[in-house]
Amino acid sequence: AAVRDSSRRDPLLRLASRRLSEGDLQGAVSFASAALAVPARVSVSEPEENFTTRPHAILYWALLWLGRRDEAKVHFDTCRRLDPDNVEYAGHARLFVER
């Protein structure tokens, strides 16, 4: 879904970011994955923010550090697709080049 319930997603993303910054990579993966699983709101009239790269960015970093490169690449590719002009993602592309 292109639109998510930010009131339920944002706390999960804050927890995922905190877990990542504290080195709890599996915790970061769990919370970011939970944020992605929050369903779109139904029958809501107020505009909602567009889905962002934030959960995918957390996931690609945490999964990469956990050694789960193939899973990380899926989320990295999503970040690149959603924000193709982001120079940070362009710089990280080298992490996913086949060696």
PDB file of N, CA and C in Angstrom:
ATOM      1  N   ALA A   1       0.834  -1.184   0.000  1.00  0.00           N
ATOM      2  CA  ALA A   1       0.000   0.000   0.000  1.00  0.00           C
ATOM      3  C   ALA A   1       0.876   1.244   0.000  1.00  0.00           C
ATOM      4  N   ALA A   2       0.442   2.251  -0.689  1.00  0.00           N
ATOM      5  CA  ALA A   2       1.221   3.484  -0.788  1.00  0.00           C
ATOM      6  C   ALA A   2       1.043   4.375   0.428  1.00  0.00           C
ATOM      7  N   VAL A   3      -0.025   4.197   1.156  1.00  0.00           N
ATOM      8  CA  VAL A   3      -0.306   5.055   2.304  1.00  0.00           C
ATOM      9  C   VAL A   3      -0.458   4.174   3.550  1.00  0.00           C
ATOM     10  N   ARG A   4       0.205   4.572   4.630  1.00  0.00           N
ATOM     11  CA  ARG A   4       0.184   3.773   5.862  1.00  0.00           C
ATOM     12  C   ARG A   4      -0.294   4.605   7.027  1.00  0.00           C
ATOM     13  N   ASP A   5      -0.664   3.935   8.083  1.00  0.00           N
ATOM     14  CA  ASP A   5      -1.091   4.587   9.313  1.00  0.00           C
ATOM     15  C   ASP A   5       0.153   5.026  10.076  1.00  0.00           C
ATOM     16  N   SER A   6       0.523   6.291   9.932  1.00  0.00           N
ATOM     17  CA  SER A   6       1.766   6.776  10.539  1.00  0.00           C
ATOM     18  C   SER A   6       1.701   6.769  12.060  1.00  0.00           C
ATOM     19  N   SER A   7       0.498   6.863  12.633  1.00  0.00           N
ATOM     20  CA  SER A   7       0.399   6.860  14.093  1.00  0.00           C
ATOM     21  C   SER A   7       0.801   5.513  14.675  1.00  0.00           C
ATOM     22  N   ARG A   8       0.676   4.456  13.910  1.00  0.00           N
ATOM     23  CA  ARG A   8       1.097   3.124  14.357  1.00  0.00           C
ATOM     24  C   ARG A   8       2.496   2.790  13.849  1.00  0.00           C
ATOM     25  N   ARG A   9       2.879   3.318  12.703  1.00  0.00           N
ATOM     26  CA  ARG A   9       4.174   2.996  12.102  1.00  0.00           C
ATOM     27  C   ARG A   9       5.318   3.744  12.766  1.00  0.00           C
ATOM     28  N   ASP A  10       5.140   5.036  13.046  1.00  0.00           N
ATOM     29  CA  ASP A  10       6.245   5.857  13.543  1.00  0.00           C
ATOM     30  C   ASP A  10       6.861   5.367  14.850  1.00  0.00           C
ATOM     31  N   PRO A  11       6.074   4.949  15.838  1.00  0.00           N
ATOM     32  CA  PRO A  11       6.705   4.429  17.065  1.00  0.00           C
ATOM     33  C   PRO A  11       7.570   3.197  16.793  1.00  0.00           C
ATOM     34  N   LEU A  12       7.123   2.350  15.887  1.00  0.00           N
ATOM     35  CA  LEU A  12       7.915   1.170  15.531  1.00  0.00           C
ATOM     36  C   LEU A  12       9.222   1.571  14.855  1.00  0.00           C
ATOM     37  N   LEU A  13       9.157   2.586  13.991  1.00  0.00           N
ATOM     38  CA  LEU A  13      10.369   3.046  13.322  1.00  0.00           C
ATOM     39  C   LEU A  13      11.334   3.717  14.296  1.00  0.00           C
ATOM     40  N   ARG A  14      10.788   4.441  15.280  1.00  0.00           N
ATOM     41  CA  ARG A  14      11.664   5.028  16.312  1.00  0.00           C
ATOM     42  C   ARG A  14      12.379   3.933  17.096  1.00  0.00           C
ATOM     43  N   LEU A  15      11.646   2.891  17.441  1.00  0.00           N
ATOM     44  CA  LEU A  15      12.257   1.765  18.148  1.00  0.00           C
ATOM     45  C   LEU A  15      13.297   1.069  17.273  1.00  0.00           C
ATOM     46  N   ALA A  16      12.988   0.892  15.993  1.00  0.00           N
ATOM     47  CA  ALA A  16      13.936   0.260  15.073  1.00  0.00           C
ATOM     48  C   ALA A  16      15.210   1.092  14.964  1.00  0.00           C
ATOM     49  N   SER A  17      15.062   2.408  14.841  1.00  0.00           N
ATOM     50  CA  SER A  17      16.239   3.288  14.762  1.00  0.00           C
ATOM     51  C   SER A  17      17.068   3.212  16.036  1.00  0.00           C
ATOM     52  N   ARG A  18      16.396   3.199  17.167  1.00  0.00           N
ATOM     53  CA  ARG A  18      17.112   3.109  18.450  1.00  0.00           C
ATOM     54  C   ARG A  18      17.857   1.785  18.563  1.00  0.00           C
ATOM     55  N   ARG A  19      17.181   0.711  18.202  1.00  0.00           N
ATOM     56  CA  ARG A  19      17.826  -0.608  18.266  1.00  0.00           C
ATOM     57  C   ARG A  19      19.056  -0.639  17.356  1.00  0.00           C
ATOM     58  N   LEU A  20      18.934  -0.072  16.149  1.00  0.00           N
ATOM     59  CA  LEU A  20      20.058  -0.040  15.217  1.00  0.00           C
ATOM     60  C   LEU A  20      21.217   0.759  15.802  1.00  0.00           C
ATOM     61  N   SER A  21      20.921   1.919  16.371  1.00  0.00           N
ATOM     62  CA  SER A  21      21.983   2.766  16.932  1.00  0.00           C
ATOM     63  C   SER A  21      22.646   2.120  18.141  1.00  0.00           C
ATOM     64  N   GLU A  22      21.927   1.262  18.840  1.00  0.00           N
ATOM     65  CA  GLU A  22      22.483   0.577  20.008  1.00  0.00           C
ATOM     66  C   GLU A  22      23.130  -0.757  19.655  1.00  0.00           C
ATOM     67  N   GLY A  23      23.128  -1.098  18.368  1.00  0.00           N
ATOM     68  CA  GLY A  23      23.778  -2.323  17.927  1.00  0.00           C
ATOM     69  C   GLY A  23      22.925  -3.576  18.030  1.00  0.00           C
ATOM     70  N   ASP A  24      21.658  -3.426  18.347  1.00  0.00           N
ATOM     71  CA  ASP A  24      20.742  -4.565  18.394  1.00  0.00           C
ATOM     72  C   ASP A  24      20.153  -4.735  16.996  1.00  0.00           C
ATOM     73  N   LEU A  25      20.915  -5.396  16.151  1.00  0.00           N
ATOM     74  CA  LEU A  25      20.543  -5.499  14.739  1.00  0.00           C
ATOM     75  C   LEU A  25      19.273  -6.317  14.538  1.00  0.00           C
ATOM     76  N   GLN A  26      19.142  -7.425  15.256  1.00  0.00           N
ATOM     77  CA  GLN A  26      17.938  -8.231  15.104  1.00  0.00           C
ATOM     78  C   GLN A  26      16.715  -7.474  15.602  1.00  0.00           C
ATOM     79  N   GLY A  27      16.872  -6.702  16.674  1.00  0.00           N
ATOM     80  CA  GLY A  27      15.765  -5.870  17.152  1.00  0.00           C
ATOM     81  C   GLY A  27      15.366  -4.840  16.114  1.00  0.00           C
ATOM     82  N   ALA A  28      16.361  -4.232  15.461  1.00  0.00           N
ATOM     83  CA  ALA A  28      16.080  -3.252  14.407  1.00  0.00           C
ATOM     84  C   ALA A  28      15.304  -3.899  13.268  1.00  0.00           C
ATOM     85  N   VAL A  29      15.719  -5.104  12.882  1.00  0.00           N
ATOM     86  CA  VAL A  29      15.023  -5.826  11.815  1.00  0.00           C
ATOM     87  C   VAL A  29      13.580  -6.118  12.236  1.00  0.00           C
ATOM     88  N   SER A  30      13.398  -6.553  13.458  1.00  0.00           N
ATOM     89  CA  SER A  30      12.058  -6.899  13.932  1.00  0.00           C
ATOM     90  C   SER A  30      11.125  -5.690  13.928  1.00  0.00           C
ATOM     91  N   PHE A  31      11.591  -4.566  14.473  1.00  0.00           N
ATOM     92  CA  PHE A  31      10.730  -3.382  14.542  1.00  0.00           C
ATOM     93  C   PHE A  31      10.478  -2.774  13.162  1.00  0.00           C
ATOM     94  N   ALA A  32      11.501  -2.725  12.309  1.00  0.00           N
ATOM     95  CA  ALA A  32      11.310  -2.171  10.962  1.00  0.00           C
ATOM     96  C   ALA A  32      10.371  -3.055  10.143  1.00  0.00           C
ATOM     97  N   SER A  33      10.500  -4.361  10.302  1.00  0.00           N
ATOM     98  CA  SER A  33       9.594  -5.284   9.603  1.00  0.00           C
ATOM     99  C   SER A  33       8.163  -5.107  10.095  1.00  0.00           C
ATOM    100  N   ALA A  34       8.014  -4.919  11.404  1.00  0.00           N
ATOM    101  CA  ALA A  34       6.676  -4.684  11.955  1.00  0.00           C
ATOM    102  C   ALA A  34       6.083  -3.394  11.403  1.00  0.00           C
ATOM    103  N   ALA A  35       6.917  -2.362  11.239  1.00  0.00           N
ATOM    104  CA  ALA A  35       6.432  -1.096  10.676  1.00  0.00           C
ATOM    105  C   ALA A  35       5.942  -1.295   9.248  1.00  0.00           C
ATOM    106  N   LEU A  36       6.646  -2.111   8.487  1.00  0.00           N
ATOM    107  CA  LEU A  36       6.218  -2.378   7.114  1.00  0.00           C
ATOM    108  C   LEU A  36       4.910  -3.165   7.070  1.00  0.00           C
ATOM    109  N   ALA A  37       4.648  -3.908   8.114  1.00  0.00           N
ATOM    110  CA  ALA A  37       3.442  -4.736   8.151  1.00  0.00           C
ATOM    111  C   ALA A  37       2.196  -3.967   8.589  1.00  0.00           C
ATOM    112  N   VAL A  38       2.357  -2.728   9.031  1.00  0.00           N
ATOM    113  CA  VAL A  38       1.199  -1.939   9.442  1.00  0.00           C
ATOM    114  C   VAL A  38       0.325  -1.702   8.205  1.00  0.00           C
ATOM    115  N   PRO A  39      -0.916  -2.110   8.275  1.00  0.00           N
ATOM    116  CA  PRO A  39      -1.775  -1.972   7.094  1.00  0.00           C
ATOM    117  C   PRO A  39      -2.175  -0.521   6.825  1.00  0.00           C
ATOM    118  N   ALA A  40      -2.537  -0.301   5.602  1.00  0.00           N
ATOM    119  CA  ALA A  40      -3.048   1.015   5.228  1.00  0.00           C
ATOM    120  C   ALA A  40      -4.343   1.279   5.982  1.00  0.00           C
ATOM    121  N   ARG A  41      -4.578   2.543   6.309  1.00  0.00           N
ATOM    122  CA  ARG A  41      -5.841   2.879   6.975  1.00  0.00           C
ATOM    123  C   ARG A  41      -6.962   2.868   5.943  1.00  0.00           C
ATOM    124  N   VAL A  42      -8.110   2.470   6.407  1.00  0.00           N
ATOM    125  CA  VAL A  42      -9.275   2.383   5.528  1.00  0.00           C
ATOM    126  C   VAL A  42     -10.276   3.452   5.950  1.00  0.00           C
ATOM    127  N   SER A  43     -10.910   4.075   4.990  1.00  0.00           N
ATOM    128  CA  SER A  43     -11.969   5.062   5.242  1.00  0.00           C
ATOM    129  C   SER A  43     -11.497   6.258   6.066  1.00  0.00           C
ATOM    130  N   VAL A  44     -10.323   6.730   5.775  1.00  0.00           N
ATOM    131  CA  VAL A  44      -9.796   7.893   6.479  1.00  0.00           C
ATOM    132  C   VAL A  44      -9.814   9.060   5.515  1.00  0.00           C
ATOM    133  N   SER A  45     -10.386  10.174   5.942  1.00  0.00           N
ATOM    134  CA  SER A  45     -10.531  11.304   5.028  1.00  0.00           C
ATOM    135  C   SER A  45      -9.316  12.219   5.020  1.00  0.00           C
ATOM    136  N   GLU A  46      -8.587  12.330   6.147  1.00  0.00           N
ATOM    137  CA  GLU A  46      -7.442  13.244   6.157  1.00  0.00           C
ATOM    138  C   GLU A  46      -6.288  12.657   5.345  1.00  0.00           C
ATOM    139  N   PRO A  47      -5.516  13.520   4.719  1.00  0.00           N
ATOM    140  CA  PRO A  47      -4.386  13.011   3.928  1.00  0.00           C
ATOM    141  C   PRO A  47      -3.333  12.382   4.835  1.00  0.00           C
ATOM    142  N   GLU A  48      -2.732  11.324   4.343  1.00  0.00           N
ATOM    143  CA  GLU A  48      -1.666  10.654   5.082  1.00  0.00           C
ATOM    144  C   GLU A  48      -0.362  10.800   4.310  1.00  0.00           C
ATOM    145  N   GLU A  49       0.734  10.731   5.033  1.00  0.00           N
ATOM    146  CA  GLU A  49       2.033  10.863   4.374  1.00  0.00           C
ATOM    147  C   GLU A  49       2.305   9.648   3.502  1.00  0.00           C
ATOM    148  N   ASN A  50       3.109   9.864   2.472  1.00  0.00           N
ATOM    149  CA  ASN A  50       3.469   8.764   1.584  1.00  0.00           C
ATOM    150  C   ASN A  50       4.426   7.831   2.290  1.00  0.00           C
ATOM    151  N   PHE A  51       4.384   6.606   1.881  1.00  0.00           N
ATOM    152  CA  PHE A  51       5.294   5.599   2.401  1.00  0.00           C
ATOM    153  C   PHE A  51       6.722   6.034   2.078  1.00  0.00           C
ATOM    154  N   THR A  52       7.635   5.881   3.023  1.00  0.00           N
ATOM    155  CA  THR A  52       8.996   6.375   2.841  1.00  0.00           C
ATOM    156  C   THR A  52      10.003   5.241   2.774  1.00  0.00           C
ATOM    157  N   THR A  53      11.239   5.630   2.556  1.00  0.00           N
ATOM    158  CA  THR A  53      12.338   4.665   2.499  1.00  0.00           C
ATOM    159  C   THR A  53      12.824   4.270   3.887  1.00  0.00           C
ATOM    160  N   ARG A  54      12.409   4.988   4.915  1.00  0.00           N
ATOM    161  CA  ARG A  54      12.976   4.805   6.257  1.00  0.00           C
ATOM    162  C   ARG A  54      13.002   3.350   6.754  1.00  0.00           C
ATOM    163  N   PRO A  55      11.895   2.599   6.703  1.00  0.00           N
ATOM    164  CA  PRO A  55      11.989   1.216   7.187  1.00  0.00           C
ATOM    165  C   PRO A  55      12.921   0.371   6.333  1.00  0.00           C
ATOM    166  N   HIS A  56      12.939   0.634   5.040  1.00  0.00           N
ATOM    167  CA  HIS A  56      13.808  -0.129   4.144  1.00  0.00           C
ATOM    168  C   HIS A  56      15.279   0.195   4.398  1.00  0.00           C
ATOM    169  N   ALA A  57      15.581   1.452   4.685  1.00  0.00           N
ATOM    170  CA  ALA A  57      16.961   1.832   4.985  1.00  0.00           C
ATOM    171  C   ALA A  57      17.443   1.158   6.270  1.00  0.00           C
ATOM    172  N   ILE A  58      16.598   1.139   7.281  1.00  0.00           N
ATOM    173  CA  ILE A  58      16.955   0.454   8.525  1.00  0.00           C
ATOM    174  C   ILE A  58      17.184  -1.027   8.250  1.00  0.00           C
ATOM    175  N   LEU A  59      16.284  -1.608   7.477  1.00  0.00           N
ATOM    176  CA  LEU A  59      16.401  -3.037   7.179  1.00  0.00           C
ATOM    177  C   LEU A  59      17.656  -3.359   6.372  1.00  0.00           C
ATOM    178  N   TYR A  60      17.976  -2.549   5.372  1.00  0.00           N
ATOM    179  CA  TYR A  60      19.152  -2.931   4.589  1.00  0.00           C
ATOM    180  C   TYR A  60      20.425  -2.812   5.405  1.00  0.00           C
ATOM    181  N   TRP A  61      20.530  -1.830   6.281  1.00  0.00           N
ATOM    182  CA  TRP A  61      21.729  -1.719   7.119  1.00  0.00           C
ATOM    183  C   TRP A  61      21.812  -2.866   8.109  1.00  0.00           C
ATOM    184  N   ALA A  62      20.730  -3.123   8.820  1.00  0.00           N
ATOM    185  CA  ALA A  62      20.758  -4.170   9.838  1.00  0.00           C
ATOM    186  C   ALA A  62      20.994  -5.546   9.215  1.00  0.00           C
ATOM    187  N   LEU A  63      20.282  -5.833   8.133  1.00  0.00           N
ATOM    188  CA  LEU A  63      20.452  -7.129   7.482  1.00  0.00           C
ATOM    189  C   LEU A  63      21.857  -7.289   6.911  1.00  0.00           C
ATOM    190  N   LEU A  64      22.406  -6.231   6.368  1.00  0.00           N
ATOM    191  CA  LEU A  64      23.768  -6.294   5.834  1.00  0.00           C
ATOM    192  C   LEU A  64      24.755  -6.633   6.945  1.00  0.00           C
ATOM    193  N   TRP A  65      24.630  -5.966   8.096  1.00  0.00           N
ATOM    194  CA  TRP A  65      25.520  -6.229   9.228  1.00  0.00           C
ATOM    195  C   TRP A  65      25.300  -7.617   9.817  1.00  0.00           C
ATOM    196  N   LEU A  66      24.108  -8.149   9.671  1.00  0.00           N
ATOM    197  CA  LEU A  66      23.832  -9.508  10.144  1.00  0.00           C
ATOM    198  C   LEU A  66      24.327 -10.564   9.164  1.00  0.00           C
ATOM    199  N   GLY A  67      24.869 -10.126   8.025  1.00  0.00           N
ATOM    200  CA  GLY A  67      25.378 -11.060   7.030  1.00  0.00           C
ATOM    201  C   GLY A  67      24.312 -11.608   6.097  1.00  0.00           C
ATOM    202  N   ARG A  68      23.167 -10.984   6.095  1.00  0.00           N
ATOM    203  CA  ARG A  68      22.050 -11.425   5.252  1.00  0.00           C
ATOM    204  C   ARG A  68      21.958 -10.510   4.031  1.00  0.00           C
ATOM    205  N   ARG A  69      23.022 -10.567   3.225  1.00  0.00           N
ATOM    206  CA  ARG A  69      23.229  -9.646   2.103  1.00  0.00           C
ATOM    207  C   ARG A  69      22.102  -9.681   1.066  1.00  0.00           C
ATOM    208  N   ASP A  70      21.648 -10.867   0.720  1.00  0.00           N
ATOM    209  CA  ASP A  70      20.595 -10.974  -0.301  1.00  0.00           C
ATOM    210  C   ASP A  70      19.297 -10.303   0.158  1.00  0.00           C
ATOM    211  N   GLU A  71      18.947 -10.497   1.422  1.00  0.00           N
ATOM    212  CA  GLU A  71      17.754  -9.840   1.964  1.00  0.00           C
ATOM    213  C   GLU A  71      17.963  -8.327   2.038  1.00  0.00           C
ATOM    214  N   ALA A  72      19.168  -7.920   2.424  1.00  0.00           N
ATOM    215  CA  ALA A  72      19.482  -6.492   2.520  1.00  0.00           C
ATOM    216  C   ALA A  72      19.356  -5.822   1.155  1.00  0.00           C
ATOM    217  N   LYS A  73      19.799  -6.510   0.117  1.00  0.00           N
ATOM    218  CA  LYS A  73      19.776  -5.922  -1.235  1.00  0.00           C
ATOM    219  C   LYS A  73      18.354  -5.626  -1.686  1.00  0.00           C
ATOM    220  N   VAL A  74      17.409  -6.459  -1.310  1.00  0.00           N
ATOM    221  CA  VAL A  74      16.003  -6.218  -1.673  1.00  0.00           C
ATOM    222  C   VAL A  74      15.545  -4.868  -1.109  1.00  0.00           C
ATOM    223  N   HIS A  75      15.892  -4.598   0.142  1.00  0.00           N
ATOM    224  CA  HIS A  75      15.476  -3.344   0.775  1.00  0.00           C
ATOM    225  C   HIS A  75      16.289  -2.164   0.241  1.00  0.00           C
ATOM    226  N   PHE A  76      17.553  -2.399  -0.056  1.00  0.00           N
ATOM    227  CA  PHE A  76      18.364  -1.347  -0.669  1.00  0.00           C
ATOM    228  C   PHE A  76      17.789  -0.957  -2.029  1.00  0.00           C
ATOM    229  N   ASP A  77      17.440  -1.948  -2.821  1.00  0.00           N
ATOM    230  CA  ASP A  77      16.856  -1.676  -4.141  1.00  0.00           C
ATOM    231  C   ASP A  77      15.549  -0.897  -4.014  1.00  0.00           C
ATOM    232  N   THR A  78      14.777  -1.180  -2.985  1.00  0.00           N
ATOM    233  CA  THR A  78      13.539  -0.433  -2.740  1.00  0.00           C
ATOM    234  C   THR A  78      13.855   1.024  -2.427  1.00  0.00           C
ATOM    235  N   CYS A  79      14.866   1.251  -1.599  1.00  0.00           N
ATOM    236  CA  CYS A  79      15.279   2.628  -1.293  1.00  0.00           C
ATOM    237  C   CYS A  79      15.683   3.366  -2.568  1.00  0.00           C
ATOM    238  N   ARG A  80      16.466   2.722  -3.399  1.00  0.00           N
ATOM    239  CA  ARG A  80      16.911   3.359  -4.650  1.00  0.00           C
ATOM    240  C   ARG A  80      15.736   3.658  -5.565  1.00  0.00           C
ATOM    241  N   ARG A  81      14.772   2.747  -5.613  1.00  0.00           N
ATOM    242  CA  ARG A  81      13.603   2.947  -6.477  1.00  0.00           C
ATOM    243  C   ARG A  81      12.727   4.089  -5.955  1.00  0.00           C
ATOM    244  N   LEU A  82      12.537   4.157  -4.630  1.00  0.00           N
ATOM    245  CA  LEU A  82      11.687   5.189  -4.051  1.00  0.00           C
ATOM    246  C   LEU A  82      12.343   6.562  -4.013  1.00  0.00           C
ATOM    247  N   ASP A  83      13.683   6.597  -3.967  1.00  0.00           N
ATOM    248  CA  ASP A  83      14.418   7.869  -3.870  1.00  0.00           C
ATOM    249  C   ASP A  83      15.675   7.804  -4.739  1.00  0.00           C
ATOM    250  N   PRO A  84      15.506   7.793  -6.072  1.00  0.00           N
ATOM    251  CA  PRO A  84      16.637   7.573  -6.970  1.00  0.00           C
ATOM    252  C   PRO A  84      17.692   8.675  -6.940  1.00  0.00           C
ATOM    253  N   ASP A  85      17.369   9.857  -6.463  1.00  0.00           N
ATOM    254  CA  ASP A  85      18.333  10.960  -6.448  1.00  0.00           C
ATOM    255  C   ASP A  85      19.104  11.067  -5.141  1.00  0.00           C
ATOM    256  N   ASN A  86      18.876  10.172  -4.214  1.00  0.00           N
ATOM    257  CA  ASN A  86      19.544  10.218  -2.915  1.00  0.00           C
ATOM    258  C   ASN A  86      21.007   9.809  -3.072  1.00  0.00           C
ATOM    259  N   VAL A  87      21.913  10.745  -2.792  1.00  0.00           N
ATOM    260  CA  VAL A  87      23.351  10.482  -2.982  1.00  0.00           C
ATOM    261  C   VAL A  87      23.877   9.470  -1.966  1.00  0.00           C
ATOM    262  N   GLU A  88      23.270   9.404  -0.802  1.00  0.00           N
ATOM    263  CA  GLU A  88      23.708   8.420   0.194  1.00  0.00           C
ATOM    264  C   GLU A  88      23.500   7.005  -0.330  1.00  0.00           C
ATOM    265  N   TYR A  89      22.337   6.765  -0.925  1.00  0.00           N
ATOM    266  CA  TYR A  89      22.083   5.440  -1.483  1.00  0.00           C
ATOM    267  C   TYR A  89      23.022   5.153  -2.650  1.00  0.00           C
ATOM    268  N   ALA A  90      23.305   6.157  -3.451  1.00  0.00           N
ATOM    269  CA  ALA A  90      24.249   5.962  -4.559  1.00  0.00           C
ATOM    270  C   ALA A  90      25.616   5.531  -4.025  1.00  0.00           C
ATOM    271  N   GLY A  91      26.035   6.141  -2.921  1.00  0.00           N
ATOM    272  CA  GLY A  91      27.311   5.777  -2.320  1.00  0.00           C
ATOM    273  C   GLY A  91      27.311   4.373  -1.731  1.00  0.00           C
ATOM    274  N   HIS A  92      26.163   3.937  -1.232  1.00  0.00           N
ATOM    275  CA  HIS A  92      26.064   2.610  -0.636  1.00  0.00           C
ATOM    276  C   HIS A  92      25.962   1.503  -1.680  1.00  0.00           C
ATOM    277  N   ALA A  93      25.736   1.874  -2.922  1.00  0.00           N
ATOM    278  CA  ALA A  93      25.592   0.865  -3.978  1.00  0.00           C
ATOM    279  C   ALA A  93      26.822  -0.035  -4.051  1.00  0.00           C
ATOM    280  N   ARG A  94      27.979   0.507  -3.724  1.00  0.00           N
ATOM    281  CA  ARG A  94      29.210  -0.292  -3.787  1.00  0.00           C
ATOM    282  C   ARG A  94      29.180  -1.467  -2.810  1.00  0.00           C
ATOM    283  N   LEU A  95      28.367  -1.371  -1.773  1.00  0.00           N
ATOM    284  CA  LEU A  95      28.268  -2.461  -0.796  1.00  0.00           C
ATOM    285  C   LEU A  95      27.558  -3.679  -1.376  1.00  0.00           C
ATOM    286  N   PHE A  96      26.855  -3.478  -2.478  1.00  0.00           N
ATOM    287  CA  PHE A  96      26.085  -4.568  -3.058  1.00  0.00           C
ATOM    288  C   PHE A  96      26.625  -5.014  -4.407  1.00  0.00           C
ATOM    289  N   VAL A  97      27.810  -4.555  -4.763  1.00  0.00           N
ATOM    290  CA  VAL A  97      28.442  -4.976  -6.018  1.00  0.00           C
ATOM    291  C   VAL A  97      28.983  -6.382  -5.809  1.00  0.00           C
ATOM    292  N   GLU A  98      28.700  -7.239  -6.770  1.00  0.00           N
ATOM    293  CA  GLU A  98      29.216  -8.622  -6.691  1.00  0.00           C
ATOM    294  C   GLU A  98      30.732  -8.595  -6.750  1.00  0.00           C
ATOM    295  N   ARG A  99      31.330  -9.384  -5.884  1.00  0.00           N
ATOM    296  CA  ARG A  99      32.810  -9.442  -5.838  1.00  0.00           C
ATOM    297  C   ARG A  99      33.306 -10.715  -6.430  1.00  0.00           C
TER     298      ARG A  99
END
